[in-house]
Amino acid sequence: MVGIGSVESGRTFADQLNFPSDLLFFDTTEQTRAYETIATRNSQRDPETGKQIFEGIESMWSPATTGALEDRGTDDLDSIVGKPLLFQPGPYKPLMPATIEATLVQGASFVFDGKTTILEHYDESSGAHVTIEELLDAALS
């Protein structure tokens, strides 16, 4: 897993969720270079100014976000972040990147077999991830 942020926040994440920290890699650059390299949404920069190119509000919340939440429900999310309206916190506490720009960057999921890409999914907007079932099916195929 590759994440944006500091090594310290990654260790905290791993501790909070009992995730093996040796499987985490961190893009600690302010420009989120790992994400820029694979061209996820909101990771590109204007070649003249070097400023982040924001792809619009739908890159953060779109019908794909709403549809993904409706399709999979929120039980998995609630079990991690809790139910704030009911004051039932989960084990995960937000660990914000050093820059606001980094919070806008969307992710992607890949499964490789050597140099062969088995699965490639770019998140359209927040929450519009590949399903864990698809990810595991690809990884275990």
Protein backbone atom coordinates (compact mmCIF):
# COMPACT_ATOMS: atom_id res chain seq x y z
CA MET A 1 0.00 0.00 0.00
CA VAL A 2 1.26 3.46 -0.90
CA GLY A 3 -0.02 6.46 0.99
CA ILE A 4 0.48 10.19 1.13
CA GLY A 5 2.01 11.64 4.26
CA SER A 6 4.78 11.26 6.74
CA VAL A 7 6.39 8.05 7.92
CA GLU A 8 5.15 8.91 11.42
CA SER A 9 1.53 9.19 10.27
CA GLY A 10 1.92 5.88 8.44
CA ARG A 11 3.14 4.19 11.61
CA THR A 12 0.17 5.67 13.48
CA PHE A 13 -2.18 4.39 10.77
CA ALA A 14 -0.65 0.91 10.98
CA ASP A 15 -0.86 0.90 14.78
CA GLN A 16 -4.48 2.11 14.79
CA LEU A 17 -5.63 -0.61 12.38
CA ASN A 18 -3.16 -3.41 13.18
CA PHE A 19 -1.85 -3.18 9.61
CA PRO A 20 1.65 -4.57 8.98
CA SER A 21 3.80 -1.44 8.70
CA ASP A 22 6.35 -3.24 6.53
CA LEU A 23 3.71 -3.33 3.77
CA LEU A 24 3.32 0.47 3.76
CA PHE A 25 5.21 2.87 1.53
CA PHE A 26 4.92 6.63 1.80
CA ASP A 27 5.00 9.44 -0.69
CA THR A 28 6.41 12.10 1.60
CA THR A 29 6.87 14.69 -1.17
CA GLU A 30 4.78 17.83 -0.98
CA GLN A 31 3.99 17.34 -4.68
CA THR A 32 2.75 13.74 -4.18
CA ARG A 33 5.18 12.57 -6.88
CA ALA A 34 4.16 8.89 -6.74
CA TYR A 35 0.57 9.83 -7.52
CA GLU A 36 1.68 12.36 -10.14
CA THR A 37 3.72 9.65 -11.85
CA ILE A 38 0.71 7.36 -12.23
CA ALA A 39 -1.54 10.35 -13.06
CA THR A 40 -4.30 10.03 -10.49
CA ARG A 41 -6.89 12.80 -10.32
CA ASN A 42 -5.72 16.12 -8.88
CA SER A 43 -2.08 14.99 -8.90
CA GLN A 44 -0.95 16.79 -12.02
CA ARG A 45 0.86 20.13 -12.08
CA ASP A 46 0.90 23.04 -14.47
CA PRO A 47 4.24 22.74 -16.29
CA GLU A 48 4.81 26.51 -16.24
CA THR A 49 3.86 27.36 -12.66
CA GLY A 50 4.27 24.00 -10.91
CA LYS A 51 0.88 24.53 -9.23
CA GLN A 52 -1.50 21.65 -8.75
CA ILE A 53 -4.28 21.36 -11.33
CA PHE A 54 -7.58 20.89 -9.49
CA GLU A 55 -10.01 18.94 -11.67
CA GLY A 56 -13.15 20.36 -10.06
CA ILE A 57 -15.53 19.47 -7.27
CA GLU A 58 -16.62 16.25 -9.00
CA SER A 59 -13.09 14.95 -8.55
CA MET A 60 -13.82 15.02 -4.82
CA TRP A 61 -17.51 14.03 -4.67
CA SER A 62 -19.44 12.80 -7.66
CA PRO A 63 -22.26 10.43 -8.51
CA ALA A 64 -19.58 7.71 -8.43
CA THR A 65 -18.97 8.47 -4.74
CA THR A 66 -22.67 8.31 -3.92
CA GLY A 67 -23.12 5.15 -6.00
CA ALA A 68 -20.16 3.41 -4.37
CA LEU A 69 -21.48 4.20 -0.89
CA GLU A 70 -24.96 3.00 -1.85
CA ASP A 71 -23.60 -0.22 -3.42
CA ARG A 72 -21.35 -1.28 -0.56
CA GLY A 73 -23.07 0.48 2.31
CA THR A 74 -21.17 2.20 5.08
CA ASP A 75 -20.73 -0.62 7.58
CA ASP A 76 -17.07 -1.13 6.63
CA LEU A 77 -16.37 2.61 6.75
CA ASP A 78 -18.26 3.04 10.02
CA SER A 79 -16.28 0.20 11.60
CA ILE A 80 -13.04 2.10 10.90
CA VAL A 81 -13.96 5.78 11.33
CA GLY A 82 -16.90 5.31 13.68
CA LYS A 83 -20.26 7.00 13.69
CA PRO A 84 -19.58 10.62 14.60
CA LEU A 85 -23.23 11.61 14.80
CA LEU A 86 -23.72 8.95 17.46
CA PHE A 87 -20.41 9.79 19.19
CA GLN A 88 -19.08 6.29 18.59
CA PRO A 89 -15.51 6.80 17.37
CA GLY A 90 -13.77 4.03 15.46
CA PRO A 91 -10.11 3.02 15.71
CA TYR A 92 -8.98 5.30 12.86
CA LYS A 93 -8.24 8.96 13.45
CA PRO A 94 -7.66 11.18 10.39
CA LEU A 95 -4.00 11.86 9.68
CA MET A 96 -3.93 14.84 7.37
CA PRO A 97 -1.08 15.31 4.88
CA ALA A 98 1.21 18.31 5.31
CA THR A 99 -0.47 20.30 2.52
CA ILE A 100 -4.07 20.98 1.55
CA GLU A 101 -3.15 20.08 -2.04
CA ALA A 102 -2.28 16.53 -0.97
CA THR A 103 -5.76 16.03 0.54
CA LEU A 104 -7.27 16.61 -2.92
CA VAL A 105 -5.27 13.85 -4.63
CA GLN A 106 -7.31 10.77 -5.52
CA GLY A 107 -5.96 7.25 -5.39
CA ALA A 108 -5.79 4.17 -7.53
CA SER A 109 -5.49 0.41 -7.11
CA PHE A 110 -3.25 -1.94 -9.03
CA VAL A 111 -2.46 -5.64 -8.97
CA PHE A 112 0.61 -6.86 -10.82
CA ASP A 113 2.00 -10.25 -11.68
CA GLY A 114 5.60 -9.33 -12.37
CA LYS A 115 5.41 -6.73 -15.14
CA THR A 116 1.88 -7.73 -16.17
CA THR A 117 -0.96 -5.55 -14.91
CA ILE A 118 -3.79 -7.75 -13.63
CA LEU A 119 -5.99 -4.93 -12.31
CA GLU A 120 -5.85 -1.16 -12.81
CA HIS A 121 -8.44 1.17 -11.28
CA TYR A 122 -8.24 4.95 -10.92
CA ASP A 123 -10.62 6.46 -8.36
CA GLU A 124 -12.98 8.90 -10.07
CA SER A 125 -13.69 10.65 -6.77
CA SER A 126 -13.53 10.06 -3.03
CA GLY A 127 -14.90 6.67 -2.07
CA ALA A 128 -15.19 5.45 -5.68
CA HIS A 129 -12.71 2.65 -5.10
CA VAL A 130 -12.47 -0.76 -6.71
CA THR A 131 -14.31 -3.22 -4.48
CA ILE A 132 -12.26 -5.29 -2.08
CA GLU A 133 -13.72 -8.39 -3.73
CA GLU A 134 -12.41 -7.34 -7.16
CA LEU A 135 -9.03 -6.46 -5.66
CA LEU A 136 -8.73 -9.77 -3.85
CA ASP A 137 -9.97 -11.77 -6.86
CA ALA A 138 -7.27 -10.14 -9.00
CA ALA A 139 -4.57 -10.58 -6.35
CA LEU A 140 -5.42 -14.21 -5.74
CA SER A 141 -5.95 -15.16 -9.40
